C-alpha atoms as a PDB file:
ATOM      1  CA  MET A   1       0.000   0.000   0.000  1.00  0.00           C
ATOM      2  CA  LYS A   2       1.344   3.431  -0.962  1.00  0.00           C
ATOM      3  CA  LYS A   3       1.890   5.850   1.915  1.00  0.00           C
ATOM      4  CA  VAL A   4       0.039   9.139   1.418  1.00  0.00           C
ATOM      5  CA  ARG A   5       2.022  12.255   2.251  1.00  0.00           C
ATOM      6  CA  VAL A   6       0.170  14.403   4.753  1.00  0.00           C
ATOM      7  CA  LYS A   7       0.265  18.159   4.183  1.00  0.00           C
ATOM      8  CA  ASN A   8       2.500  19.876   6.745  1.00  0.00           C
ATOM      9  CA  SER A   9       3.901  16.547   7.915  1.00  0.00           C
ATOM     10  CA  ARG A  10       7.090  18.282   9.174  1.00  0.00           C
ATOM     11  CA  ILE A  11       5.041  20.200  11.719  1.00  0.00           C
ATOM     12  CA  HIS A  12       3.238  17.033  12.790  1.00  0.00           C
ATOM     13  CA  LEU A  13       6.575  15.254  13.283  1.00  0.00           C
ATOM     14  CA  LEU A  14       7.908  18.136  15.394  1.00  0.00           C
ATOM     15  CA  ILE A  15       4.786  18.110  17.550  1.00  0.00           C
ATOM     16  CA  ASP A  16       4.836  14.323  17.959  1.00  0.00           C
ATOM     17  CA  LYS A  17       8.494  14.422  19.002  1.00  0.00           C
ATOM     18  CA  PHE A  18       7.784  17.233  21.453  1.00  0.00           C
ATOM     19  CA  LEU A  19       4.861  15.338  23.013  1.00  0.00           C
ATOM     20  CA  GLU A  20       6.628  11.941  23.271  1.00  0.00           C
ATOM     21  CA  LYS A  21       7.196  12.240  26.987  1.00  0.00           C
ATOM     22  CA  LYS A  22       4.845  13.906  29.467  1.00  0.00           C
ATOM     23  CA  ILE A  23       6.663  15.853  32.171  1.00  0.00           C
ATOM     24  CA  PRO A  24       4.967  15.724  35.590  1.00  0.00           C
ATOM     25  CA  CYS A  25       4.898  18.631  38.024  1.00  0.00           C
ATOM     26  CA  SER A  26       7.717  18.838  40.500  1.00  0.00           C
ATOM     27  CA  ARG A  27       7.153  17.698  44.065  1.00  0.00           C
ATOM     28  CA  GLY A  28       5.311  20.156  46.243  1.00  0.00           C
ATOM     29  CA  GLY A  29       3.030  21.338  43.457  1.00  0.00           C
ATOM     30  CA  GLY A  30       5.558  23.441  41.554  1.00  0.00           C
ATOM     31  CA  TRP A  31       5.865  23.702  37.810  1.00  0.00           C
ATOM     32  CA  ALA A  32       7.198  20.839  35.771  1.00  0.00           C
ATOM     33  CA  PRO A  33      10.898  21.212  34.939  1.00  0.00           C
ATOM     34  CA  VAL A  34      11.640  22.506  31.435  1.00  0.00           C
ATOM     35  CA  THR A  35      14.887  21.739  29.625  1.00  0.00           C
ATOM     36  CA  GLN A  36      16.574  24.056  27.155  1.00  0.00           C
ATOM     37  CA  GLU A  37      16.091  21.407  24.466  1.00  0.00           C
ATOM     38  CA  GLU A  38      12.320  21.288  25.089  1.00  0.00           C
ATOM     39  CA  LEU A  39      12.105  25.064  24.963  1.00  0.00           C
ATOM     40  CA  GLU A  40      13.984  25.094  21.649  1.00  0.00           C
ATOM     41  CA  GLN A  41      11.717  22.344  20.261  1.00  0.00           C
ATOM     42  CA  PHE A  42       8.601  24.288  21.201  1.00  0.00           C
ATOM     43  CA  TYR A  43      10.061  27.497  19.737  1.00  0.00           C
ATOM     44  CA  GLU A  44      10.673  25.661  16.451  1.00  0.00           C
ATOM     45  CA  ILE A  45       7.101  24.308  16.423  1.00  0.00           C
ATOM     46  CA  ILE A  46       5.623  27.772  16.895  1.00  0.00           C
ATOM     47  CA  GLY A  47       7.934  29.171  14.220  1.00  0.00           C
ATOM     48  CA  LYS A  48       6.925  26.501  11.714  1.00  0.00           C
ATOM     49  CA  LEU A  49       3.232  27.074  12.445  1.00  0.00           C
ATOM     50  CA  VAL A  50       3.562  30.831  11.877  1.00  0.00           C
ATOM     51  CA  GLU A  51       5.670  30.380   8.729  1.00  0.00           C
ATOM     52  CA  THR A  52       3.193  27.854   7.310  1.00  0.00           C
ATOM     53  CA  LYS A  53       0.089  29.905   8.082  1.00  0.00           C
ATOM     54  CA  TYR A  54       1.272  33.432   7.220  1.00  0.00           C
ATOM     55  CA  GLN A  55       3.240  34.768   4.298  1.00  0.00           C
ATOM     56  CA  ALA A  56       6.263  36.890   5.227  1.00  0.00           C
ATOM     57  CA  ASP A  57       6.489  40.550   4.248  1.00  0.00           C
ATOM     58  CA  ALA A  58       9.214  42.025   2.022  1.00  0.00           C
ATOM     59  CA  ASP A  59      11.692  41.977   4.935  1.00  0.00           C
ATOM     60  CA  GLY A  60      10.962  38.330   5.701  1.00  0.00           C
ATOM     61  CA  ASP A  61       9.041  39.165   8.902  1.00  0.00           C
ATOM     62  CA  HIS A  62       5.823  37.421   9.875  1.00  0.00           C
ATOM     63  CA  PRO A  63       2.814  39.141  11.463  1.00  0.00           C
ATOM     64  CA  ILE A  64       3.140  37.214  14.757  1.00  0.00           C
ATOM     65  CA  GLU A  65       6.001  37.608  17.229  1.00  0.00           C
ATOM     66  CA  TYR A  66       6.504  35.234  20.130  1.00  0.00           C
ATOM     67  CA  ILE A  67       8.754  34.875  23.136  1.00  0.00           C
ATOM     68  CA  LEU A  68       8.929  31.762  25.293  1.00  0.00           C
ATOM     69  CA  ILE A  69       9.889  32.006  28.947  1.00  0.00           C
ATOM     70  CA  ASP A  70      10.706  29.140  31.300  1.00  0.00           C
ATOM     71  CA  ARG A  71       8.937  30.428  34.396  1.00  0.00           C
ATOM     72  CA  ASN A  72      10.984  28.021  36.539  1.00  0.00           C
ATOM     73  CA  GLY A  73      13.898  30.420  36.244  1.00  0.00           C
ATOM     74  CA  PHE A  74      12.477  33.687  34.913  1.00  0.00           C
ATOM     75  CA  GLU A  75       9.562  35.952  35.682  1.00  0.00           C
ATOM     76  CA  GLY A  76       6.823  36.291  33.110  1.00  0.00           C
ATOM     77  CA  LEU A  77       6.764  39.323  30.870  1.00  0.00           C
ATOM     78  CA  PRO A  78       5.788  42.322  33.006  1.00  0.00           C
ATOM     79  CA  PHE A  79       3.939  44.225  30.286  1.00  0.00           C
ATOM     80  CA  ARG A  80       1.059  44.075  27.886  1.00  0.00           C
ATOM     81  CA  PRO A  81       1.487  44.623  24.147  1.00  0.00           C
ATOM     82  CA  MET A  82       0.877  48.173  22.955  1.00  0.00           C
ATOM     83  CA  PRO A  83      -1.649  48.430  20.119  1.00  0.00           C
ATOM     84  CA  TYR A  84      -0.831  50.513  17.055  1.00  0.00           C
ATOM     85  CA  ALA A  85      -2.280  53.998  16.902  1.00  0.00           C
ATOM     86  CA  PRO A  86      -5.624  54.255  15.120  1.00  0.00           C
ATOM     87  CA  ARG A  87      -5.435  55.093  11.437  1.00  0.00           C
ATOM     88  CA  ALA A  88      -7.945  57.933  11.795  1.00  0.00           C
ATOM     89  CA  VAL A  89      -6.458  61.451  11.901  1.00  0.00           C
ATOM     90  CA  LYS A  90      -8.433  62.256  15.048  1.00  0.00           C
ATOM     91  CA  ALA A  91     -10.948  60.411  17.137  1.00  0.00           C
ATOM     92  CA  THR A  92     -14.250  60.799  15.305  1.00  0.00           C
ATOM     93  CA  THR A  93     -16.258  57.794  16.439  1.00  0.00           C
ATOM     94  CA  SER A  94     -16.944  56.245  19.806  1.00  0.00           C
ATOM     95  CA  GLU A  95     -14.769  53.302  18.702  1.00  0.00           C
ATOM     96  CA  ASP A  96     -11.840  55.688  18.031  1.00  0.00           C
ATOM     97  CA  VAL A  97     -12.274  57.253  21.473  1.00  0.00           C
ATOM     98  CA  LEU A  98     -12.418  53.808  23.103  1.00  0.00           C
ATOM     99  CA  GLN A  99      -9.264  52.738  21.212  1.00  0.00           C
ATOM    100  CA  GLU A 100      -7.410  55.844  22.396  1.00  0.00           C
ATOM    101  CA  ALA A 101      -8.562  55.303  25.992  1.00  0.00           C
ATOM    102  CA  TRP A 102      -7.394  51.693  25.846  1.00  0.00           C
ATOM    103  CA  ARG A 103      -4.008  52.731  24.416  1.00  0.00           C
ATOM    104  CA  PHE A 104      -3.603  55.304  27.208  1.00  0.00           C
ATOM    105  CA  GLU A 105      -4.558  52.790  29.906  1.00  0.00           C
ATOM    106  CA  THR A 106      -2.171  50.200  28.457  1.00  0.00           C
ATOM    107  CA  ALA A 107       0.695  52.704  28.296  1.00  0.00           C
ATOM    108  CA  GLN A 108       0.025  53.818  31.870  1.00  0.00           C
ATOM    109  CA  LEU A 109       0.003  50.211  33.113  1.00  0.00           C
ATOM    110  CA  ASN A 110       3.270  49.482  31.283  1.00  0.00           C
ATOM    111  CA  VAL A 111       4.914  52.493  32.945  1.00  0.00           C
ATOM    112  CA  GLU A 112       3.644  51.436  36.388  1.00  0.00           C
ATOM    113  CA  LEU A 113       4.887  47.871  35.893  1.00  0.00           C
ATOM    114  CA  ALA A 114       8.277  49.112  34.671  1.00  0.00           C
ATOM    115  CA  MET A 115       8.603  51.385  37.732  1.00  0.00           C
ATOM    116  CA  GLU A 116       7.784  48.470  40.049  1.00  0.00           C
ATOM    117  CA  GLN A 117      10.411  46.307  38.340  1.00  0.00           C
ATOM    118  CA  PHE A 118      12.926  49.134  38.678  1.00  0.00           C
ATOM    119  CA  ARG A 119      12.137  49.605  42.391  1.00  0.00           C
ATOM    120  CA  ASN A 120      12.578  45.872  43.014  1.00  0.00           C
ATOM    121  CA  ALA A 121      15.841  45.781  41.053  1.00  0.00           C
ATOM    122  CA  ILE A 122      17.360  48.837  42.752  1.00  0.00           C
ATOM    123  CA  ARG A 123      16.408  47.831  46.333  1.00  0.00           C
ATOM    124  CA  PRO A 124      19.533  45.643  46.944  1.00  0.00           C
ATOM    125  CA  VAL A 125      21.759  48.363  45.472  1.00  0.00           C
ATOM    126  CA  ARG A 126      20.232  50.971  47.794  1.00  0.00           C
ATOM    127  CA  GLU A 127      20.823  48.704  50.803  1.00  0.00           C
ATOM    128  CA  PHE A 128      24.440  48.159  49.751  1.00  0.00           C
ATOM    129  CA  ILE A 129      25.012  51.908  49.328  1.00  0.00           C
ATOM    130  CA  LYS A 130      23.402  52.603  52.727  1.00  0.00           C
ATOM    131  CA  GLU A 131      25.655  50.027  54.451  1.00  0.00           C
ATOM    132  CA  PHE A 132      28.714  51.388  52.618  1.00  0.00           C
ATOM    133  CA  ALA A 133      27.888  54.978  53.628  1.00  0.00           C
ATOM    134  CA  GLU A 134      27.365  53.974  57.293  1.00  0.00           C
ATOM    135  CA  SER A 135      30.658  52.102  57.274  1.00  0.00           C
ATOM    136  CA  ALA A 136      32.461  55.082  55.736  1.00  0.00           C
ATOM    137  CA  VAL A 137      31.020  57.425  58.404  1.00  0.00           C
ATOM    138  CA  GLU A 138      32.160  55.059  61.163  1.00  0.00           C
ATOM    139  CA  MET A 139      35.659  54.865  59.688  1.00  0.00           C
ATOM    140  CA  GLU A 140      35.848  58.670  59.429  1.00  0.00           C
ATOM    141  CA  GLN A 141      34.693  59.103  63.021  1.00  0.00           C
ATOM    142  CA  LYS A 142      37.257  56.554  64.208  1.00  0.00           C
ATOM    143  CA  HIS A 143      39.974  58.285  62.220  1.00  0.00           C
ATOM    144  CA  GLN A 144      39.045  61.708  63.695  1.00  0.00           C
ATOM    145  CA  THR A 145      39.170  60.381  67.283  1.00  0.00           C
ATOM    146  CA  GLU A 146      42.675  59.056  66.744  1.00  0.00           C
ATOM    147  CA  SER A 147      45.588  61.437  67.047  1.00  0.00           C
ATOM    148  CA  GLY A 148      46.413  63.248  63.854  1.00  0.00           C
ATOM    149  CA  ASP A 149      50.196  63.117  64.452  1.00  0.00           C
ATOM    150  CA  PRO A 150      51.833  59.939  63.060  1.00  0.00           C
ATOM    151  CA  VAL A 151      54.535  60.102  65.765  1.00  0.00           C
ATOM    152  CA  ASP A 152      51.894  59.979  68.489  1.00  0.00           C
ATOM    153  CA  ARG A 153      50.378  56.855  66.894  1.00  0.00           C
ATOM    154  CA  LEU A 154      53.784  55.115  67.043  1.00  0.00           C
ATOM    155  CA  GLY A 155      53.978  55.765  70.759  1.00  0.00           C
ATOM    156  CA  VAL A 156      57.348  57.466  70.528  1.00  0.00           C
END
């Protein structure tokens, strides 16, 4: 019997290979471990799906972008995508006004999330600088209480 070639069989093979082994959750209810190889396999599957479904533009770009994050070691993306500006010159319909309000709200949320990330990232640096400054003040005070004459410090 002649084997019939299935359309997009490469994608099906990639998916089958990816799904060969089910990965259980880690003990204690945490996420299942993810290997770099599995992440790369999944990235390739998504890429093939996008390339097969959508034609690329003149630059070779496709209309869908994707980023995969292993949440075992990295935080999820702390932002929402920003929609393109409306094509209308100015808001003329209620839909245009709603689109502009949504864009403003999204931009505001992105700024707030970025500021929170910055505060969390700078906190250890601030603590280090505070400890360094306190230590420097203590050293200066100690130095000022000691005699300023090097001969006196030698006990001669």
